[in-house]
Amino acid sequence: MFRQKEIYGTVAVKMCLFPLVFYEICQFLQVPHDITLTMSILPTLPSMAVIVMLAQNQRSAGNYAAGMLLVTTLCSIVTIPLVCLGLG
């Protein structure tokens, strides 16, 4: 599971790039700072465990979903502090 490159691409976009871009868009639209900060930090959290159950229930890539959950959980240890530093 750790050798699949698309998982790391997803982690980079979902957990690093999206929060920073979203923060800048909210700053441009003058959304209140506390709302902007909260909504920018939420994507850095790991994926929900229910995604694995839904994938298995639909008979669709349950193992891939479980691997993605594991990788996002491990990467969140690094991405949450990085994004918080990037947001200032």
PDB file of N, CA and C in Angstrom:
ATOM      1  N   MET A   1       0.825  -1.202   0.000  1.00  0.00           N
ATOM      2  CA  MET A   1       0.000   0.000   0.000  1.00  0.00           C
ATOM      3  C   MET A   1       0.866   1.261   0.000  1.00  0.00           C
ATOM      4  N   PHE A   2       2.004   1.228   0.671  1.00  0.00           N
ATOM      5  CA  PHE A   2       2.847   2.415   0.765  1.00  0.00           C
ATOM      6  C   PHE A   2       3.619   2.686  -0.523  1.00  0.00           C
ATOM      7  N   ARG A   3       3.577   1.769  -1.466  1.00  0.00           N
ATOM      8  CA  ARG A   3       4.312   1.933  -2.724  1.00  0.00           C
ATOM      9  C   ARG A   3       3.461   2.553  -3.829  1.00  0.00           C
ATOM     10  N   GLN A   4       2.184   2.776  -3.600  1.00  0.00           N
ATOM     11  CA  GLN A   4       1.314   3.351  -4.622  1.00  0.00           C
ATOM     12  C   GLN A   4       1.453   4.870  -4.602  1.00  0.00           C
ATOM     13  N   LYS A   5       1.969   5.406  -5.702  1.00  0.00           N
ATOM     14  CA  LYS A   5       2.273   6.836  -5.770  1.00  0.00           C
ATOM     15  C   LYS A   5       1.029   7.712  -5.768  1.00  0.00           C
ATOM     16  N   GLU A   6      -0.080   7.201  -6.304  1.00  0.00           N
ATOM     17  CA  GLU A   6      -1.284   8.041  -6.353  1.00  0.00           C
ATOM     18  C   GLU A   6      -1.810   8.370  -4.964  1.00  0.00           C
ATOM     19  N   ILE A   7      -1.525   7.529  -3.993  1.00  0.00           N
ATOM     20  CA  ILE A   7      -1.958   7.827  -2.624  1.00  0.00           C
ATOM     21  C   ILE A   7      -1.240   9.070  -2.110  1.00  0.00           C
ATOM     22  N   TYR A   8       0.043   9.181  -2.386  1.00  0.00           N
ATOM     23  CA  TYR A   8       0.801  10.336  -1.908  1.00  0.00           C
ATOM     24  C   TYR A   8       0.405  11.604  -2.661  1.00  0.00           C
ATOM     25  N   GLY A   9       0.023  11.459  -3.917  1.00  0.00           N
ATOM     26  CA  GLY A   9      -0.490  12.608  -4.655  1.00  0.00           C
ATOM     27  C   GLY A   9      -1.791  13.107  -4.056  1.00  0.00           C
ATOM     28  N   THR A  10      -2.636  12.172  -3.694  1.00  0.00           N
ATOM     29  CA  THR A  10      -3.904  12.530  -3.059  1.00  0.00           C
ATOM     30  C   THR A  10      -3.659  13.210  -1.717  1.00  0.00           C
ATOM     31  N   VAL A  11      -2.737  12.675  -0.949  1.00  0.00           N
ATOM     32  CA  VAL A  11      -2.413  13.268   0.354  1.00  0.00           C
ATOM     33  C   VAL A  11      -1.876  14.681   0.162  1.00  0.00           C
ATOM     34  N   ALA A  12      -0.996  14.861  -0.811  1.00  0.00           N
ATOM     35  CA  ALA A  12      -0.412  16.190  -1.046  1.00  0.00           C
ATOM     36  C   ALA A  12      -1.486  17.202  -1.427  1.00  0.00           C
ATOM     37  N   VAL A  13      -2.410  16.811  -2.281  1.00  0.00           N
ATOM     38  CA  VAL A  13      -3.453  17.742  -2.718  1.00  0.00           C
ATOM     39  C   VAL A  13      -4.481  17.957  -1.612  1.00  0.00           C
ATOM     40  N   LYS A  14      -5.008  16.858  -1.047  1.00  0.00           N
ATOM     41  CA  LYS A  14      -6.081  16.957  -0.053  1.00  0.00           C
ATOM     42  C   LYS A  14      -5.621  17.586   1.253  1.00  0.00           C
ATOM     43  N   MET A  15      -4.441  17.211   1.701  1.00  0.00           N
ATOM     44  CA  MET A  15      -4.042  17.587   3.046  1.00  0.00           C
ATOM     45  C   MET A  15      -3.057  18.749   3.106  1.00  0.00           C
ATOM     46  N   CYS A  16      -2.478  19.145   1.993  1.00  0.00           N
ATOM     47  CA  CYS A  16      -1.495  20.238   2.008  1.00  0.00           C
ATOM     48  C   CYS A  16      -1.902  21.391   1.098  1.00  0.00           C
ATOM     49  N   LEU A  17      -2.140  21.098  -0.163  1.00  0.00           N
ATOM     50  CA  LEU A  17      -2.412  22.150  -1.144  1.00  0.00           C
ATOM     51  C   LEU A  17      -3.798  22.768  -0.974  1.00  0.00           C
ATOM     52  N   PHE A  18      -4.829  21.931  -0.863  1.00  0.00           N
ATOM     53  CA  PHE A  18      -6.191  22.441  -0.763  1.00  0.00           C
ATOM     54  C   PHE A  18      -6.395  23.384   0.422  1.00  0.00           C
ATOM     55  N   PRO A  19      -5.930  23.048   1.631  1.00  0.00           N
ATOM     56  CA  PRO A  19      -6.152  23.977   2.754  1.00  0.00           C
ATOM     57  C   PRO A  19      -5.515  25.353   2.537  1.00  0.00           C
ATOM     58  N   LEU A  20      -4.326  25.389   1.950  1.00  0.00           N
ATOM     59  CA  LEU A  20      -3.653  26.671   1.729  1.00  0.00           C
ATOM     60  C   LEU A  20      -4.361  27.503   0.661  1.00  0.00           C
ATOM     61  N   VAL A  21      -4.812  26.855  -0.412  1.00  0.00           N
ATOM     62  CA  VAL A  21      -5.538  27.565  -1.471  1.00  0.00           C
ATOM     63  C   VAL A  21      -6.889  28.046  -0.944  1.00  0.00           C
ATOM     64  N   PHE A  22      -7.567  27.191  -0.186  1.00  0.00           N
ATOM     65  CA  PHE A  22      -8.857  27.564   0.390  1.00  0.00           C
ATOM     66  C   PHE A  22      -8.720  28.760   1.329  1.00  0.00           C
ATOM     67  N   TYR A  23      -7.650  28.771   2.110  1.00  0.00           N
ATOM     68  CA  TYR A  23      -7.394  29.878   3.031  1.00  0.00           C
ATOM     69  C   TYR A  23      -7.231  31.189   2.260  1.00  0.00           C
ATOM     70  N   GLU A  24      -6.472  31.151   1.195  1.00  0.00           N
ATOM     71  CA  GLU A  24      -6.253  32.357   0.392  1.00  0.00           C
ATOM     72  C   GLU A  24      -7.543  32.845  -0.258  1.00  0.00           C
ATOM     73  N   ILE A  25      -8.366  31.922  -0.734  1.00  0.00           N
ATOM     74  CA  ILE A  25      -9.650  32.302  -1.337  1.00  0.00           C
ATOM     75  C   ILE A  25     -10.556  32.953  -0.296  1.00  0.00           C
ATOM     76  N   CYS A  26     -10.605  32.372   0.897  1.00  0.00           N
ATOM     77  CA  CYS A  26     -11.435  32.948   1.963  1.00  0.00           C
ATOM     78  C   CYS A  26     -10.913  34.319   2.398  1.00  0.00           C
ATOM     79  N   GLN A  27      -9.603  34.494   2.416  1.00  0.00           N
ATOM     80  CA  GLN A  27      -9.024  35.795   2.744  1.00  0.00           C
ATOM     81  C   GLN A  27      -9.426  36.819   1.690  1.00  0.00           C
ATOM     82  N   PHE A  28      -9.394  36.419   0.431  1.00  0.00           N
ATOM     83  CA  PHE A  28      -9.775  37.313  -0.664  1.00  0.00           C
ATOM     84  C   PHE A  28     -11.247  37.707  -0.560  1.00  0.00           C
ATOM     85  N   LEU A  29     -12.093  36.750  -0.158  1.00  0.00           N
ATOM     86  CA  LEU A  29     -13.533  37.016  -0.029  1.00  0.00           C
ATOM     87  C   LEU A  29     -13.899  37.655   1.308  1.00  0.00           C
ATOM     88  N   GLN A  30     -12.912  37.898   2.159  1.00  0.00           N
ATOM     89  CA  GLN A  30     -13.072  38.544   3.455  1.00  0.00           C
ATOM     90  C   GLN A  30     -14.018  37.792   4.395  1.00  0.00           C
ATOM     91  N   VAL A  31     -13.891  36.469   4.398  1.00  0.00           N
ATOM     92  CA  VAL A  31     -14.622  35.633   5.351  1.00  0.00           C
ATOM     93  C   VAL A  31     -13.970  35.856   6.716  1.00  0.00           C
ATOM     94  N   PRO A  32     -14.742  35.871   7.806  1.00  0.00           N
ATOM     95  CA  PRO A  32     -14.143  36.065   9.130  1.00  0.00           C
ATOM     96  C   PRO A  32     -12.997  35.082   9.393  1.00  0.00           C
ATOM     97  N   HIS A  33     -11.961  35.577  10.070  1.00  0.00           N
ATOM     98  CA  HIS A  33     -10.722  34.819  10.227  1.00  0.00           C
ATOM     99  C   HIS A  33     -10.905  33.492  10.966  1.00  0.00           C
ATOM    100  N   ASP A  34     -11.715  33.462  12.022  1.00  0.00           N
ATOM    101  CA  ASP A  34     -11.889  32.217  12.769  1.00  0.00           C
ATOM    102  C   ASP A  34     -12.570  31.140  11.934  1.00  0.00           C
ATOM    103  N   ILE A  35     -13.513  31.523  11.107  1.00  0.00           N
ATOM    104  CA  ILE A  35     -14.177  30.576  10.209  1.00  0.00           C
ATOM    105  C   ILE A  35     -13.199  30.103   9.144  1.00  0.00           C
ATOM    106  N   THR A  36     -12.435  31.026   8.595  1.00  0.00           N
ATOM    107  CA  THR A  36     -11.452  30.674   7.573  1.00  0.00           C
ATOM    108  C   THR A  36     -10.424  29.701   8.125  1.00  0.00           C
ATOM    109  N   LEU A  37      -9.927  29.960   9.300  1.00  0.00           N
ATOM    110  CA  LEU A  37      -8.911  29.099   9.908  1.00  0.00           C
ATOM    111  C   LEU A  37      -9.467  27.701  10.191  1.00  0.00           C
ATOM    112  N   THR A  38     -10.651  27.640  10.755  1.00  0.00           N
ATOM    113  CA  THR A  38     -11.268  26.344  11.057  1.00  0.00           C
ATOM    114  C   THR A  38     -11.515  25.541   9.793  1.00  0.00           C
ATOM    115  N   MET A  39     -12.082  26.165   8.783  1.00  0.00           N
ATOM    116  CA  MET A  39     -12.398  25.461   7.539  1.00  0.00           C
ATOM    117  C   MET A  39     -11.142  25.100   6.752  1.00  0.00           C
ATOM    118  N   SER A  40     -10.053  25.782   6.993  1.00  0.00           N
ATOM    119  CA  SER A  40      -8.797  25.457   6.310  1.00  0.00           C
ATOM    120  C   SER A  40      -8.060  24.310   6.989  1.00  0.00           C
ATOM    121  N   ILE A  41      -8.259  24.136   8.275  1.00  0.00           N
ATOM    122  CA  ILE A  41      -7.593  23.060   8.994  1.00  0.00           C
ATOM    123  C   ILE A  41      -8.338  21.731   8.849  1.00  0.00           C
ATOM    124  N   LEU A  42      -9.636  21.760   8.654  1.00  0.00           N
ATOM    125  CA  LEU A  42     -10.418  20.522   8.546  1.00  0.00           C
ATOM    126  C   LEU A  42      -9.929  19.557   7.461  1.00  0.00           C
ATOM    127  N   PRO A  43      -9.557  20.001   6.266  1.00  0.00           N
ATOM    128  CA  PRO A  43      -9.086  19.040   5.251  1.00  0.00           C
ATOM    129  C   PRO A  43      -7.765  18.357   5.615  1.00  0.00           C
ATOM    130  N   THR A  44      -7.026  18.886   6.582  1.00  0.00           N
ATOM    131  CA  THR A  44      -5.764  18.254   6.958  1.00  0.00           C
ATOM    132  C   THR A  44      -5.978  17.040   7.851  1.00  0.00           C
ATOM    133  N   LEU A  45      -7.195  16.853   8.334  1.00  0.00           N
ATOM    134  CA  LEU A  45      -7.486  15.710   9.196  1.00  0.00           C
ATOM    135  C   LEU A  45      -7.565  14.431   8.365  1.00  0.00           C
ATOM    136  N   PRO A  46      -7.333  13.281   8.994  1.00  0.00           N
ATOM    137  CA  PRO A  46      -7.400  12.014   8.245  1.00  0.00           C
ATOM    138  C   PRO A  46      -8.798  11.750   7.704  1.00  0.00           C
ATOM    139  N   SER A  47      -8.861  10.912   6.692  1.00  0.00           N
ATOM    140  CA  SER A  47     -10.158  10.528   6.129  1.00  0.00           C
ATOM    141  C   SER A  47     -10.969   9.772   7.174  1.00  0.00           C
ATOM    142  N   MET A  48     -12.279   9.767   6.996  1.00  0.00           N
ATOM    143  CA  MET A  48     -13.151   9.110   7.962  1.00  0.00           C
ATOM    144  C   MET A  48     -13.111   7.599   7.776  1.00  0.00           C
ATOM    145  N   ALA A  49     -13.207   6.863   8.866  1.00  0.00           N
ATOM    146  CA  ALA A  49     -13.184   5.397   8.825  1.00  0.00           C
ATOM    147  C   ALA A  49     -14.414   4.834   8.123  1.00  0.00           C
ATOM    148  N   VAL A  50     -15.492   5.595   8.102  1.00  0.00           N
ATOM    149  CA  VAL A  50     -16.716   5.104   7.467  1.00  0.00           C
ATOM    150  C   VAL A  50     -16.530   4.922   5.954  1.00  0.00           C
ATOM    151  N   ILE A  51     -15.548   5.577   5.377  1.00  0.00           N
ATOM    152  CA  ILE A  51     -15.289   5.422   3.942  1.00  0.00           C
ATOM    153  C   ILE A  51     -14.938   3.981   3.615  1.00  0.00           C
ATOM    154  N   VAL A  52     -14.179   3.331   4.482  1.00  0.00           N
ATOM    155  CA  VAL A  52     -13.817   1.924   4.273  1.00  0.00           C
ATOM    156  C   VAL A  52     -15.074   1.051   4.306  1.00  0.00           C
ATOM    157  N   MET A  53     -15.942   1.303   5.262  1.00  0.00           N
ATOM    158  CA  MET A  53     -17.177   0.517   5.359  1.00  0.00           C
ATOM    159  C   MET A  53     -18.067   0.734   4.150  1.00  0.00           C
ATOM    160  N   LEU A  54     -18.164   1.962   3.689  1.00  0.00           N
ATOM    161  CA  LEU A  54     -18.978   2.243   2.508  1.00  0.00           C
ATOM    162  C   LEU A  54     -18.400   1.566   1.267  1.00  0.00           C
ATOM    163  N   ALA A  55     -17.090   1.596   1.125  1.00  0.00           N
ATOM    164  CA  ALA A  55     -16.462   0.956  -0.029  1.00  0.00           C
ATOM    165  C   ALA A  55     -16.684  -0.550   0.005  1.00  0.00           C
ATOM    166  N   GLN A  56     -16.575  -1.173   1.161  1.00  0.00           N
ATOM    167  CA  GLN A  56     -16.801  -2.613   1.258  1.00  0.00           C
ATOM    168  C   GLN A  56     -18.262  -2.958   1.051  1.00  0.00           C
ATOM    169  N   ASN A  57     -19.147  -2.115   1.523  1.00  0.00           N
ATOM    170  CA  ASN A  57     -20.578  -2.335   1.348  1.00  0.00           C
ATOM    171  C   ASN A  57     -20.962  -2.276  -0.130  1.00  0.00           C
ATOM    172  N   GLN A  58     -20.326  -1.398  -0.875  1.00  0.00           N
ATOM    173  CA  GLN A  58     -20.615  -1.245  -2.307  1.00  0.00           C
ATOM    174  C   GLN A  58     -19.784  -2.199  -3.168  1.00  0.00           C
ATOM    175  N   ARG A  59     -19.016  -3.066  -2.514  1.00  0.00           N
ATOM    176  CA  ARG A  59     -18.119  -4.018  -3.200  1.00  0.00           C
ATOM    177  C   ARG A  59     -17.173  -3.284  -4.143  1.00  0.00           C
ATOM    178  N   SER A  60     -16.566  -2.238  -3.603  1.00  0.00           N
ATOM    179  CA  SER A  60     -15.682  -1.384  -4.391  1.00  0.00           C
ATOM    180  C   SER A  60     -14.414  -1.087  -3.614  1.00  0.00           C
ATOM    181  N   ALA A  61     -13.287  -1.528  -4.039  1.00  0.00           N
ATOM    182  CA  ALA A  61     -11.948  -1.171  -3.556  1.00  0.00           C
ATOM    183  C   ALA A  61     -11.862  -0.934  -2.050  1.00  0.00           C
ATOM    184  N   GLY A  62     -12.338  -1.879  -1.275  1.00  0.00           N
ATOM    185  CA  GLY A  62     -12.271  -1.754   0.179  1.00  0.00           C
ATOM    186  C   GLY A  62     -10.849  -1.731   0.698  1.00  0.00           C
ATOM    187  N   ASN A  63      -9.985  -2.533   0.095  1.00  0.00           N
ATOM    188  CA  ASN A  63      -8.580  -2.544   0.524  1.00  0.00           C
ATOM    189  C   ASN A  63      -7.886  -1.229   0.202  1.00  0.00           C
ATOM    190  N   TYR A  64      -8.199  -0.657  -0.941  1.00  0.00           N
ATOM    191  CA  TYR A  64      -7.615   0.634  -1.317  1.00  0.00           C
ATOM    192  C   TYR A  64      -8.079   1.723  -0.349  1.00  0.00           C
ATOM    193  N   ALA A  65      -9.355   1.705   0.004  1.00  0.00           N
ATOM    194  CA  ALA A  65      -9.889   2.686   0.952  1.00  0.00           C
ATOM    195  C   ALA A  65      -9.237   2.526   2.321  1.00  0.00           C
ATOM    196  N   ALA A  66      -9.023   1.286   2.744  1.00  0.00           N
ATOM    197  CA  ALA A  66      -8.363   1.050   4.032  1.00  0.00           C
ATOM    198  C   ALA A  66      -6.925   1.557   4.007  1.00  0.00           C
ATOM    199  N   GLY A  67      -6.240   1.335   2.898  1.00  0.00           N
ATOM    200  CA  GLY A  67      -4.868   1.842   2.760  1.00  0.00           C
ATOM    201  C   GLY A  67      -4.820   3.355   2.774  1.00  0.00           C
ATOM    202  N   MET A  68      -5.781   3.973   2.109  1.00  0.00           N
ATOM    203  CA  MET A  68      -5.836   5.436   2.076  1.00  0.00           C
ATOM    204  C   MET A  68      -6.105   5.989   3.475  1.00  0.00           C
ATOM    205  N   LEU A  69      -6.962   5.318   4.218  1.00  0.00           N
ATOM    206  CA  LEU A  69      -7.231   5.738   5.595  1.00  0.00           C
ATOM    207  C   LEU A  69      -5.964   5.651   6.437  1.00  0.00           C
ATOM    208  N   LEU A  70      -5.219   4.570   6.293  1.00  0.00           N
ATOM    209  CA  LEU A  70      -3.976   4.402   7.044  1.00  0.00           C
ATOM    210  C   LEU A  70      -2.956   5.480   6.679  1.00  0.00           C
ATOM    211  N   VAL A  71      -2.781   5.717   5.394  1.00  0.00           N
ATOM    212  CA  VAL A  71      -1.785   6.695   4.951  1.00  0.00           C
ATOM    213  C   VAL A  71      -2.179   8.114   5.377  1.00  0.00           C
ATOM    214  N   THR A  72      -3.450   8.482   5.235  1.00  0.00           N
ATOM    215  CA  THR A  72      -3.858   9.831   5.638  1.00  0.00           C
ATOM    216  C   THR A  72      -3.730  10.022   7.144  1.00  0.00           C
ATOM    217  N   THR A  73      -3.980   8.967   7.905  1.00  0.00           N
ATOM    218  CA  THR A  73      -3.820   9.067   9.358  1.00  0.00           C
ATOM    219  C   THR A  73      -2.354   9.287   9.728  1.00  0.00           C
ATOM    220  N   LEU A  74      -1.473   8.520   9.116  1.00  0.00           N
ATOM    221  CA  LEU A  74      -0.044   8.686   9.404  1.00  0.00           C
ATOM    222  C   LEU A  74       0.480  10.043   8.915  1.00  0.00           C
ATOM    223  N   CYS A  75       0.048  10.463   7.741  1.00  0.00           N
ATOM    224  CA  CYS A  75       0.535  11.729   7.187  1.00  0.00           C
ATOM    225  C   CYS A  75      -0.019  12.942   7.932  1.00  0.00           C
ATOM    226  N   SER A  76      -1.167  12.774   8.581  1.00  0.00           N
ATOM    227  CA  SER A  76      -1.740  13.916   9.307  1.00  0.00           C
ATOM    228  C   SER A  76      -0.859  14.353  10.467  1.00  0.00           C
ATOM    229  N   ILE A  77      -0.004  13.452  10.938  1.00  0.00           N
ATOM    230  CA  ILE A  77       0.933  13.815  12.002  1.00  0.00           C
ATOM    231  C   ILE A  77       1.865  14.926  11.527  1.00  0.00           C
ATOM    232  N   VAL A  78       2.158  14.931  10.247  1.00  0.00           N
ATOM    233  CA  VAL A  78       3.054  15.929   9.668  1.00  0.00           C
ATOM    234  C   VAL A  78       2.280  17.073   9.023  1.00  0.00           C
ATOM    235  N   THR A  79       1.199  16.752   8.318  1.00  0.00           N
ATOM    236  CA  THR A  79       0.509  17.784   7.537  1.00  0.00           C
ATOM    237  C   THR A  79      -0.224  18.811   8.388  1.00  0.00           C
ATOM    238  N   ILE A  80      -0.781  18.392   9.512  1.00  0.00           N
ATOM    239  CA  ILE A  80      -1.515  19.361  10.347  1.00  0.00           C
ATOM    240  C   ILE A  80      -0.566  20.459  10.851  1.00  0.00           C
ATOM    241  N   PRO A  81       0.589  20.130  11.437  1.00  0.00           N
ATOM    242  CA  PRO A  81       1.495  21.212  11.853  1.00  0.00           C
ATOM    243  C   PRO A  81       2.028  22.031  10.678  1.00  0.00           C
ATOM    244  N   LEU A  82       2.311  21.381   9.539  1.00  0.00           N
ATOM    245  CA  LEU A  82       2.808  22.134   8.380  1.00  0.00           C
ATOM    246  C   LEU A  82       1.789  23.145   7.877  1.00  0.00           C
ATOM    247  N   VAL A  83       0.551  22.717   7.765  1.00  0.00           N
ATOM    248  CA  VAL A  83      -0.494  23.635   7.285  1.00  0.00           C
ATOM    249  C   VAL A  83      -0.719  24.758   8.303  1.00  0.00           C
ATOM    250  N   CYS A  84      -0.692  24.437   9.583  1.00  0.00           N
ATOM    251  CA  CYS A  84      -0.846  25.488  10.598  1.00  0.00           C
ATOM    252  C   CYS A  84       0.279  26.500  10.523  1.00  0.00           C
ATOM    253  N   LEU A  85       1.491  26.034  10.275  1.00  0.00           N
ATOM    254  CA  LEU A  85       2.614  26.965  10.080  1.00  0.00           C
ATOM    255  C   LEU A  85       2.429  27.793   8.826  1.00  0.00           C
ATOM    256  N   GLY A  86       1.928  27.172   7.781  1.00  0.00           N
ATOM    257  CA  GLY A  86       1.702  27.894   6.519  1.00  0.00           C
ATOM    258  C   GLY A  86       0.607  28.933   6.621  1.00  0.00           C
ATOM    259  N   LEU A  87      -0.379  28.683   7.481  1.00  0.00           N
ATOM    260  CA  LEU A  87      -1.469  29.636   7.645  1.00  0.00           C
ATOM    261  C   LEU A  87      -1.082  30.805   8.541  1.00  0.00           C
ATOM    262  N   GLY A  88      -0.060  30.613   9.339  1.00  0.00           N
ATOM    263  CA  GLY A  88       0.422  31.695  10.200  1.00  0.00           C
ATOM    264  C   GLY A  88      -0.415  31.827  11.385  1.00  0.00           C
TER     265      GLY A  88
END
